[in-house]
């Protein structure tokens, strides 16, 4: 989550980003088709829809207020047509959320032994353990076969978000790469302390400098709590195949297991079995 000292500024940027995406006709305001100097709604239009003063909304967007009431936030969420994830993030930025604040353990992060054993027991299922910043902490042989040999990647570069954008081999495995990459950007924004944590700040800074797509999507203030989906991958030895993916959180919320599965009797399951190496799971 964004630290309290930065929340007014982030709240303002979030409101402005979502305001710019809405056109008057989408929210029942007059003026459809008329030229505007900037895209989206004007501040006074958002204020009118939320039934608050333009001055109050302006101060929110300029980061001059530390927070807003639940009633005002709900009204703004409705005015801006926010989905569930973005609504939750809006409340979080205004310090009106009820999420647990768990202590962060210092030092080198390692996969829980129980999660490594879980990977060891999985068959026909590529899986990885990701840390609180999406660092790849452990993986099974099938994950290596699907993506690449993670053991060859320096530990400080062995981050799923980083490799998704900057590692051609991992990036190239996803046929529908933009969809997954954007979900991951939103997931990191929604589930970490953002720029307040050096590990995240460094990662975001590097990706923003080196990848235009990341820089664009991060600036959009998009959030995502998506935990399941289906993606199309490709491999030189199998061609295209589709896998269902899901993210499983640990009780303490510090580590997750990302597992990918294929339904029985499908081409995708055949593809995984062709890729299946005869080796044991590994971790750094």
Protein backbone atom coordinates (compact mmCIF):
# COMPACT_ATOMS: atom_id res chain seq x y z
CA UNK A 1 0.00 0.00 0.00
CA UNK A 2 0.99 3.59 -0.53
CA UNK A 3 2.40 5.16 2.67
CA UNK A 4 0.18 7.67 4.45
CA UNK A 5 2.47 10.61 3.70
CA UNK A 6 2.14 9.99 -0.05
CA UNK A 7 -1.56 9.14 -0.12
CA UNK A 8 -2.99 12.64 -0.77
CA UNK A 9 -0.74 13.02 -3.83
CA UNK A 10 -1.48 9.50 -5.06
CA UNK A 11 -5.19 10.00 -4.44
CA UNK A 12 -5.11 13.14 -6.58
CA UNK A 13 -3.27 11.38 -9.40
CA UNK A 14 -5.70 8.47 -9.22
CA UNK A 15 -8.76 10.73 -9.45
CA UNK A 16 -7.28 12.74 -12.30
CA UNK A 17 -6.37 9.62 -14.28
CA UNK A 18 -9.87 8.19 -14.01
CA UNK A 19 -11.53 11.53 -14.69
CA UNK A 20 -9.60 11.82 -17.96
CA UNK A 21 -11.00 8.50 -19.20
CA UNK A 22 -14.67 9.42 -18.96
CA UNK A 23 -16.60 11.26 -21.66
CA UNK A 24 -19.69 13.37 -20.81
CA UNK A 25 -22.10 11.13 -22.70
CA UNK A 26 -20.88 8.08 -20.73
CA UNK A 27 -22.14 9.62 -17.47
CA UNK A 28 -25.23 11.38 -18.79
CA UNK A 29 -23.81 14.90 -19.00
CA UNK A 30 -24.51 17.30 -21.88
CA UNK A 31 -21.71 18.25 -24.25
CA UNK A 32 -21.20 15.00 -26.15
CA UNK A 33 -19.40 15.57 -29.41
CA UNK A 34 -18.26 19.09 -28.52
CA UNK A 35 -14.49 19.74 -28.70
CA UNK A 36 -12.57 19.94 -25.43
CA UNK A 37 -9.09 21.15 -24.62
CA UNK A 38 -8.31 17.98 -22.69
CA UNK A 39 -9.92 14.51 -22.78
CA UNK A 40 -12.37 13.35 -20.17
CA UNK A 41 -14.50 15.14 -17.62
CA UNK A 42 -13.78 18.52 -16.09
CA UNK A 43 -13.31 18.85 -12.35
CA UNK A 44 -16.59 20.68 -11.93
CA UNK A 45 -18.40 17.88 -13.76
CA UNK A 46 -17.02 15.22 -11.42
CA UNK A 47 -17.92 17.39 -8.44
CA UNK A 48 -21.46 17.83 -9.78
CA UNK A 49 -21.89 14.08 -10.29
CA UNK A 50 -20.61 13.38 -6.76
CA UNK A 51 -22.69 16.23 -5.31
CA UNK A 52 -19.72 17.93 -3.66
CA UNK A 53 -18.27 21.39 -4.20
CA UNK A 54 -15.83 21.97 -7.02
CA UNK A 55 -13.41 23.55 -4.54
CA UNK A 56 -13.45 20.47 -2.32
CA UNK A 57 -12.87 18.14 -5.26
CA UNK A 58 -10.09 20.38 -6.60
CA UNK A 59 -8.29 20.23 -3.26
CA UNK A 60 -8.59 16.44 -3.26
CA UNK A 61 -7.12 16.20 -6.74
CA UNK A 62 -4.31 18.62 -5.88
CA UNK A 63 -3.32 16.55 -2.86
CA UNK A 64 -4.24 19.30 -0.38
CA UNK A 65 -6.52 17.09 1.71
CA UNK A 66 -5.36 14.13 3.76
CA UNK A 67 -8.53 12.15 3.17
CA UNK A 68 -12.24 12.17 2.58
CA UNK A 69 -15.29 10.67 4.23
CA UNK A 70 -16.68 7.30 3.26
CA UNK A 71 -19.75 9.02 1.84
CA UNK A 72 -17.66 11.28 -0.39
CA UNK A 73 -15.48 8.41 -1.55
CA UNK A 74 -18.53 6.33 -2.41
CA UNK A 75 -19.98 9.23 -4.36
CA UNK A 76 -16.72 9.73 -6.26
CA UNK A 77 -16.48 6.02 -7.04
CA UNK A 78 -19.97 6.16 -8.53
CA UNK A 79 -19.25 9.37 -10.42
CA UNK A 80 -16.09 7.95 -11.96
CA UNK A 81 -17.71 4.57 -12.69
CA UNK A 82 -15.01 2.69 -10.78
CA UNK A 83 -14.95 -1.09 -10.76
CA UNK A 84 -14.56 -3.08 -7.55
CA UNK A 85 -10.74 -3.17 -7.61
CA UNK A 86 -10.37 0.55 -8.30
CA UNK A 87 -13.02 1.37 -5.69
CA UNK A 88 -11.07 -0.61 -3.08
CA UNK A 89 -7.87 1.18 -4.05
CA UNK A 90 -9.58 4.58 -3.79
CA UNK A 91 -10.62 3.78 -0.22
CA UNK A 92 -7.14 2.51 0.53
CA UNK A 93 -5.56 5.77 -0.64
CA UNK A 94 -7.94 7.71 1.58
CA UNK A 95 -7.01 5.51 4.56
CA UNK A 96 -10.51 4.09 4.76
CA UNK A 97 -9.63 0.46 4.14
CA UNK A 98 -9.69 -2.46 6.56
CA UNK A 99 -6.76 -4.44 5.21
CA UNK A 100 -4.31 -5.92 7.66
CA UNK A 101 -0.92 -4.26 7.98
CA UNK A 102 1.49 -7.12 8.45
CA UNK A 103 5.11 -6.72 9.52
CA UNK A 104 7.71 -7.14 6.84
CA UNK A 105 10.44 -9.58 7.72
CA UNK A 106 13.94 -8.21 7.13
CA UNK A 107 16.76 -9.89 5.26
CA UNK A 108 16.86 -12.23 2.31
CA UNK A 109 13.45 -13.61 1.47
CA UNK A 110 13.20 -17.37 0.99
CA UNK A 111 10.35 -19.66 0.07
CA UNK A 112 8.58 -21.39 2.94
CA UNK A 113 9.71 -25.05 3.15
CA UNK A 114 6.09 -26.17 3.00
CA UNK A 115 5.59 -24.31 -0.28
CA UNK A 116 8.72 -25.88 -1.75
CA UNK A 117 7.33 -29.27 -0.79
CA UNK A 118 4.06 -28.36 -2.47
CA UNK A 119 5.94 -27.63 -5.70
CA UNK A 120 7.72 -30.97 -5.33
CA UNK A 121 4.38 -32.77 -5.19
CA UNK A 122 2.79 -31.10 -8.22
CA UNK A 123 2.61 -33.01 -11.49
CA UNK A 124 1.65 -31.62 -14.91
CA UNK A 125 1.51 -28.21 -13.22
CA UNK A 126 4.16 -25.55 -13.73
CA UNK A 127 4.31 -23.52 -10.53
CA UNK A 128 6.39 -20.89 -8.77
CA UNK A 129 6.57 -19.33 -5.32
CA UNK A 130 6.61 -15.53 -5.54
CA UNK A 131 7.64 -13.25 -2.70
CA UNK A 132 5.98 -10.08 -1.53
CA UNK A 133 7.57 -8.09 -4.40
CA UNK A 134 7.01 -10.84 -7.01
CA UNK A 135 10.57 -12.14 -6.65
CA UNK A 136 10.74 -15.76 -7.85
CA UNK A 137 11.74 -17.68 -4.72
CA UNK A 138 11.21 -21.27 -5.88
CA UNK A 139 9.95 -23.16 -8.93
CA UNK A 140 9.42 -26.69 -10.15
CA UNK A 141 11.05 -28.32 -13.21
CA UNK A 142 7.98 -27.85 -15.39
CA UNK A 143 8.03 -24.08 -14.75
CA UNK A 144 11.63 -24.11 -15.94
CA UNK A 145 10.61 -26.01 -19.07
CA UNK A 146 7.72 -23.65 -19.80
CA UNK A 147 9.70 -20.42 -19.29
CA UNK A 148 13.47 -20.78 -18.79
CA UNK A 149 16.10 -21.98 -16.30
CA UNK A 150 15.60 -19.52 -13.46
CA UNK A 151 18.75 -20.75 -11.73
CA UNK A 152 20.79 -19.09 -14.49
CA UNK A 153 19.28 -15.67 -13.71
CA UNK A 154 21.07 -13.54 -11.07
CA UNK A 155 18.99 -13.40 -7.92
CA UNK A 156 18.46 -9.62 -8.03
CA UNK A 157 17.03 -9.99 -11.55
CA UNK A 158 14.89 -13.04 -10.74
CA UNK A 159 11.64 -11.13 -10.39
CA UNK A 160 8.52 -12.20 -12.29
CA UNK A 161 7.38 -8.66 -13.11
CA UNK A 162 10.86 -7.65 -14.24
CA UNK A 163 11.34 -10.77 -16.37
CA UNK A 164 7.86 -10.39 -17.84
CA UNK A 165 8.92 -7.04 -19.29
CA UNK A 166 12.70 -7.28 -19.75
CA UNK A 167 13.49 -10.97 -20.34
CA UNK A 168 12.78 -11.77 -24.03
CA UNK A 169 12.48 -15.49 -23.32
CA UNK A 170 9.84 -15.14 -20.59
CA UNK A 171 8.04 -12.31 -22.39
CA UNK A 172 8.02 -14.27 -25.62
CA UNK A 173 6.30 -17.28 -24.03
CA UNK A 174 3.01 -15.35 -23.71
CA UNK A 175 1.01 -15.00 -26.93
CA UNK A 176 -1.36 -12.61 -25.16
CA UNK A 177 1.43 -10.85 -23.28
CA UNK A 178 -0.14 -7.35 -22.96
CA UNK A 179 -3.16 -8.63 -21.04
CA UNK A 180 -1.12 -10.50 -18.44
CA UNK A 181 1.54 -7.79 -18.16
CA UNK A 182 -1.07 -5.12 -17.43
CA UNK A 183 -2.70 -7.35 -14.79
CA UNK A 184 0.69 -7.79 -13.10
CA UNK A 185 1.35 -4.04 -13.08
CA UNK A 186 -2.01 -3.45 -11.42
CA UNK A 187 -1.40 -6.28 -8.96
CA UNK A 188 1.92 -4.78 -7.82
CA UNK A 189 0.35 -1.33 -7.41
CA UNK A 190 -2.54 -2.73 -5.38
CA UNK A 191 -0.68 -5.16 -3.13
CA UNK A 192 2.64 -3.50 -2.21
CA UNK A 193 3.69 -0.37 -0.37
CA UNK A 194 4.82 1.09 -3.68
CA UNK A 195 7.52 3.73 -3.81
CA UNK A 196 7.95 3.77 -0.03
CA UNK A 197 9.82 0.45 -0.15
CA UNK A 198 13.29 0.54 -1.71
CA UNK A 199 12.89 -2.86 -3.40
CA UNK A 200 9.69 -1.81 -5.14
CA UNK A 201 10.90 1.72 -5.87
CA UNK A 202 14.02 0.39 -7.58
CA UNK A 203 12.00 -2.11 -9.62
CA UNK A 204 9.44 0.46 -10.75
CA UNK A 205 12.17 2.95 -11.59
CA UNK A 206 14.09 0.47 -13.73
CA UNK A 207 11.02 -0.74 -15.60
CA UNK A 208 9.78 2.81 -16.16
CA UNK A 209 13.10 3.77 -17.73
CA UNK A 210 13.49 0.66 -19.85
CA UNK A 211 9.98 -0.19 -21.04
CA UNK A 212 7.41 2.20 -22.54
CA UNK A 213 4.48 -0.15 -21.92
CA UNK A 214 5.28 -0.40 -18.22
CA UNK A 215 5.74 3.36 -17.92
CA UNK A 216 2.37 3.94 -19.59
CA UNK A 217 0.46 1.36 -17.55
CA UNK A 218 1.99 2.41 -14.24
CA UNK A 219 0.99 6.03 -14.92
CA UNK A 220 -2.60 4.93 -15.58
CA UNK A 221 -3.05 4.21 -11.85
CA UNK A 222 -4.66 0.88 -12.78
CA UNK A 223 -5.15 -1.65 -9.98
CA UNK A 224 -5.92 -5.35 -10.12
CA UNK A 225 -6.66 -8.04 -7.57
CA UNK A 226 -7.21 -10.71 -10.23
CA UNK A 227 -6.24 -14.14 -8.93
CA UNK A 228 -7.35 -16.41 -11.81
CA UNK A 229 -7.44 -16.43 -15.58
CA UNK A 230 -6.51 -18.25 -18.78
CA UNK A 231 -3.50 -17.41 -20.91
CA UNK A 232 -2.15 -18.61 -24.25
CA UNK A 233 1.52 -19.55 -24.30
CA UNK A 234 3.89 -20.83 -26.94
CA UNK A 235 7.05 -22.95 -26.95
CA UNK A 236 9.41 -23.98 -29.77
CA UNK A 237 8.78 -27.65 -28.99
CA UNK A 238 4.98 -27.54 -28.73
CA UNK A 239 3.60 -24.48 -30.47
CA UNK A 240 0.65 -22.70 -28.88
CA UNK A 241 -1.26 -24.02 -25.87
CA UNK A 242 -3.54 -22.51 -23.22
CA UNK A 243 -3.22 -22.77 -19.44
CA UNK A 244 -5.49 -21.74 -16.60
CA UNK A 245 -3.57 -19.84 -13.93
CA UNK A 246 -4.34 -19.01 -10.35
CA UNK A 247 -2.61 -17.25 -7.50
CA UNK A 248 -2.81 -18.84 -4.05
CA UNK A 249 -1.92 -16.67 -1.04
CA UNK A 250 -0.33 -17.89 2.18
CA UNK A 251 -2.04 -17.16 5.48
CA UNK A 252 0.44 -14.39 6.35
CA UNK A 253 -0.01 -12.84 2.88
CA UNK A 254 3.76 -12.57 2.34
CA UNK A 255 4.19 -15.25 -0.34
CA UNK A 256 2.03 -16.64 -3.11
CA UNK A 257 2.01 -19.73 -5.31
CA UNK A 258 1.33 -19.15 -8.99
CA UNK A 259 0.16 -22.42 -10.54
CA UNK A 260 -0.80 -23.15 -14.16
CA UNK A 261 -3.00 -26.08 -15.14
CA UNK A 262 -4.53 -27.68 -18.24
CA UNK A 263 -7.84 -29.61 -18.36
CA UNK A 264 -7.61 -33.40 -18.81
CA UNK A 265 -7.57 -34.75 -22.34
CA UNK A 266 -6.58 -31.47 -23.98
CA UNK A 267 -3.81 -30.48 -26.37
CA UNK A 268 -2.51 -28.17 -23.63
CA UNK A 269 -2.04 -31.06 -21.21
CA UNK A 270 -0.25 -33.02 -23.93
CA UNK A 271 2.02 -30.00 -24.47
CA UNK A 272 2.91 -29.87 -20.76
CA UNK A 273 3.72 -33.57 -20.69
CA UNK A 274 5.99 -33.17 -23.70
CA UNK A 275 7.84 -30.43 -21.84
CA UNK A 276 8.03 -32.37 -18.55
CA UNK A 277 11.71 -32.78 -17.56
CA UNK A 278 12.98 -35.67 -15.46
CA UNK A 279 14.45 -33.70 -12.59
CA UNK A 280 13.65 -32.36 -9.15
CA UNK A 281 12.27 -28.94 -8.16
CA UNK A 282 14.71 -26.21 -7.38
CA UNK A 283 15.07 -22.91 -5.59
CA UNK A 284 17.92 -20.44 -5.16
